[in-house]
Amino acid sequence: MKKHFLDAISLFCDVMFYGQQTFFKEMTSEKLKVLSFEQIDLLNLLSSQGPLSSTQIASFQGLHKSAISSRLKKLEQIGLIIFRKSPDDSRVKYAELTEEGMEEINKCQEMMLEYFGKLFGDFKEEDLTYFITMLGKVRERLLTQTPLQNDDRSEENK
């Protein structure tokens, strides 16, 4: 069983790494805004999780807050995100996507669908259904153990 888990972890990491790298190379050849992989990743995080503080983003991505602040500042300058103050604590600001930011994410998703649709178009429907089911289970487990959940509680207690 241990070997199966090690194989699964290795495959999961490979798929994440190579999938992101391959898609990012494909995407940068398109006429999108000039964004780094890290900025696109941050936009995707905001798209999936909703407004987040820089502390939450840093924790979720495993990065130092200063790196996140720099990325957020650049994304704000080009109009893809805005900051809103927390209604509970005026010292806390939440980054959220603008309409233009959502459009950029939608373009990325359309490109992903086209690219990966061609790459995996020969997969059987039942294989995709099983794959989606398993990834859903993996995501649920990971989300219940993510540092983001812990940071939400620690910010509320400040």
Protein backbone atom coordinates (compact mmCIF):
# COMPACT_ATOMS: atom_id res chain seq x y z
CA MET A 1 0.00 0.00 0.00
CA LYS A 2 2.87 2.39 0.83
CA LYS A 3 4.34 1.93 -2.66
CA HIS A 4 0.95 2.72 -4.22
CA PHE A 5 0.73 5.96 -2.25
CA LEU A 6 4.28 6.91 -3.26
CA ASP A 7 3.45 6.16 -6.91
CA ALA A 8 0.23 8.17 -6.67
CA ILE A 9 2.00 11.14 -5.08
CA SER A 10 4.74 11.06 -7.69
CA LEU A 11 2.22 10.91 -10.54
CA PHE A 12 0.12 13.68 -9.00
CA CYS A 13 3.18 15.94 -8.71
CA ASP A 14 4.30 15.15 -12.25
CA VAL A 15 0.85 15.84 -13.68
CA MET A 16 0.61 19.15 -11.82
CA PHE A 17 4.10 20.26 -12.79
CA TYR A 18 4.11 19.17 -16.44
CA GLY A 19 0.48 20.14 -16.98
CA GLN A 20 1.06 23.66 -15.72
CA GLN A 21 4.34 24.08 -17.57
CA THR A 22 2.98 22.71 -20.84
CA PHE A 23 -0.15 24.79 -20.69
CA PHE A 24 1.70 27.94 -19.66
CA LYS A 25 4.03 27.63 -22.65
CA GLU A 26 1.01 27.23 -24.91
CA MET A 27 -0.79 30.14 -23.31
CA THR A 28 2.11 32.58 -23.54
CA SER A 29 2.06 32.17 -27.30
CA GLU A 30 -1.47 33.60 -27.34
CA LYS A 31 -2.48 37.27 -27.29
CA LEU A 32 -3.33 37.47 -23.59
CA LYS A 33 -2.11 40.10 -21.21
CA VAL A 34 1.55 39.63 -20.43
CA LEU A 35 1.27 37.67 -17.21
CA SER A 36 3.69 35.41 -15.45
CA PHE A 37 2.79 31.86 -14.53
CA GLU A 38 2.72 32.94 -10.86
CA GLN A 39 0.29 35.79 -11.59
CA ILE A 40 -2.02 33.47 -13.52
CA ASP A 41 -1.86 30.99 -10.65
CA LEU A 42 -2.83 33.76 -8.23
CA LEU A 43 -5.74 34.84 -10.44
CA ASN A 44 -6.91 31.23 -10.61
CA LEU A 45 -6.76 31.00 -6.83
CA LEU A 46 -8.91 34.13 -6.45
CA SER A 47 -11.30 32.80 -9.07
CA SER A 48 -11.78 29.51 -7.26
CA GLN A 49 -11.66 30.72 -3.63
CA GLY A 50 -13.09 34.24 -3.86
CA PRO A 51 -11.61 37.29 -2.14
CA LEU A 52 -8.55 36.52 0.00
CA SER A 53 -6.13 38.50 2.11
CA SER A 54 -2.45 38.53 1.16
CA THR A 55 -1.73 36.48 4.29
CA GLN A 56 -4.21 33.82 3.18
CA ILE A 57 -2.78 33.77 -0.34
CA ALA A 58 0.80 33.50 0.94
CA SER A 59 -0.15 30.64 3.22
CA PHE A 60 -2.15 28.85 0.56
CA GLN A 61 0.67 29.12 -2.00
CA GLY A 62 3.45 28.50 0.51
CA LEU A 63 5.20 31.79 -0.25
CA HIS A 64 6.43 34.80 1.69
CA LYS A 65 3.89 37.60 2.04
CA SER A 66 6.23 40.11 0.32
CA ALA A 67 6.27 38.01 -2.89
CA ILE A 68 2.47 37.90 -2.86
CA SER A 69 2.21 41.65 -2.17
CA SER A 70 4.39 42.37 -5.20
CA ARG A 71 2.26 40.17 -7.47
CA LEU A 72 -0.95 41.66 -6.13
CA LYS A 73 0.33 45.19 -6.71
CA LYS A 74 1.17 44.40 -10.35
CA LEU A 75 -2.22 42.76 -10.90
CA GLU A 76 -3.94 45.78 -9.38
CA GLN A 77 -1.94 48.16 -11.63
CA ILE A 78 -3.11 46.39 -14.77
CA GLY A 79 -6.70 46.30 -13.52
CA LEU A 80 -7.18 42.58 -12.93
CA ILE A 81 -7.79 42.80 -9.17
CA ILE A 82 -8.99 45.35 -6.65
CA PHE A 83 -8.64 45.53 -2.88
CA ARG A 84 -11.54 45.85 -0.47
CA LYS A 85 -11.25 46.46 3.25
CA SER A 86 -12.64 43.84 5.57
CA PRO A 87 -15.94 44.92 7.14
CA ASP A 88 -14.71 43.44 10.43
CA ASP A 89 -11.17 44.81 10.54
CA SER A 90 -10.09 47.86 8.52
CA ARG A 91 -6.44 46.71 8.72
CA VAL A 92 -7.24 43.65 6.59
CA LYS A 93 -7.68 44.04 2.83
CA TYR A 94 -9.04 41.38 0.53
CA ALA A 95 -7.93 40.98 -3.08
CA GLU A 96 -10.66 40.12 -5.53
CA LEU A 97 -10.94 39.82 -9.28
CA THR A 98 -12.27 42.69 -11.34
CA GLU A 99 -14.53 42.10 -14.31
CA GLU A 100 -11.42 42.35 -16.51
CA GLY A 101 -9.69 39.80 -14.26
CA MET A 102 -12.62 37.41 -14.66
CA GLU A 103 -12.45 37.88 -18.44
CA GLU A 104 -8.75 37.01 -18.35
CA ILE A 105 -9.45 33.85 -16.34
CA ASN A 106 -12.24 32.92 -18.75
CA LYS A 107 -9.83 33.29 -21.69
CA CYS A 108 -7.34 31.05 -19.89
CA GLN A 109 -10.03 28.45 -19.21
CA GLU A 110 -11.16 28.46 -22.83
CA MET A 111 -7.57 27.98 -23.95
CA MET A 112 -7.14 25.17 -21.42
CA LEU A 113 -10.29 23.46 -22.64
CA GLU A 114 -9.16 23.69 -26.24
CA TYR A 115 -5.59 22.57 -25.53
CA PHE A 116 -6.36 19.70 -23.18
CA GLY A 117 -9.46 18.74 -25.19
CA LYS A 118 -7.19 18.04 -28.16
CA LEU A 119 -4.62 16.30 -25.98
CA PHE A 120 -7.11 14.00 -24.24
CA GLY A 121 -9.97 13.92 -26.75
CA ASP A 122 -9.52 10.17 -27.23
CA PHE A 123 -10.31 9.35 -23.58
CA LYS A 124 -13.49 7.36 -23.01
CA GLU A 125 -16.40 9.07 -21.25
CA GLU A 126 -16.38 6.57 -18.37
CA ASP A 127 -12.63 7.08 -17.87
CA LEU A 128 -13.14 10.85 -17.62
CA THR A 129 -16.04 10.36 -15.20
CA TYR A 130 -13.90 8.15 -12.95
CA PHE A 131 -10.98 10.60 -13.21
CA ILE A 132 -13.23 13.51 -12.20
CA THR A 133 -14.64 11.52 -9.28
CA MET A 134 -11.18 10.65 -7.98
CA LEU A 135 -9.83 14.19 -8.40
CA GLY A 136 -12.89 15.47 -6.55
CA LYS A 137 -12.12 13.18 -3.64
CA VAL A 138 -8.46 14.25 -3.63
CA ARG A 139 -9.48 17.93 -3.68
CA GLU A 140 -11.91 17.47 -0.78
CA ARG A 141 -9.25 15.81 1.35
CA LEU A 142 -6.69 18.48 0.51
CA LEU A 143 -9.13 21.32 1.20
CA THR A 144 -9.92 20.00 4.66
CA GLN A 145 -6.21 20.00 5.50
CA THR A 146 -5.09 23.22 3.78
CA PRO A 147 -3.23 25.94 5.68
CA LEU A 148 -5.80 28.41 4.33
CA GLN A 149 -8.42 26.97 6.68
CA ASN A 150 -6.11 27.52 9.66
CA ASP A 151 -5.27 31.07 8.59
CA ASP A 152 -8.96 31.99 8.38
CA ARG A 153 -9.32 31.07 12.04
CA SER A 154 -6.15 32.86 13.14
CA GLU A 155 -7.17 36.09 11.38
CA GLU A 156 -10.58 35.98 13.07
CA ASN A 157 -8.88 35.70 16.47
CA LYS A 158 -6.63 38.76 15.98
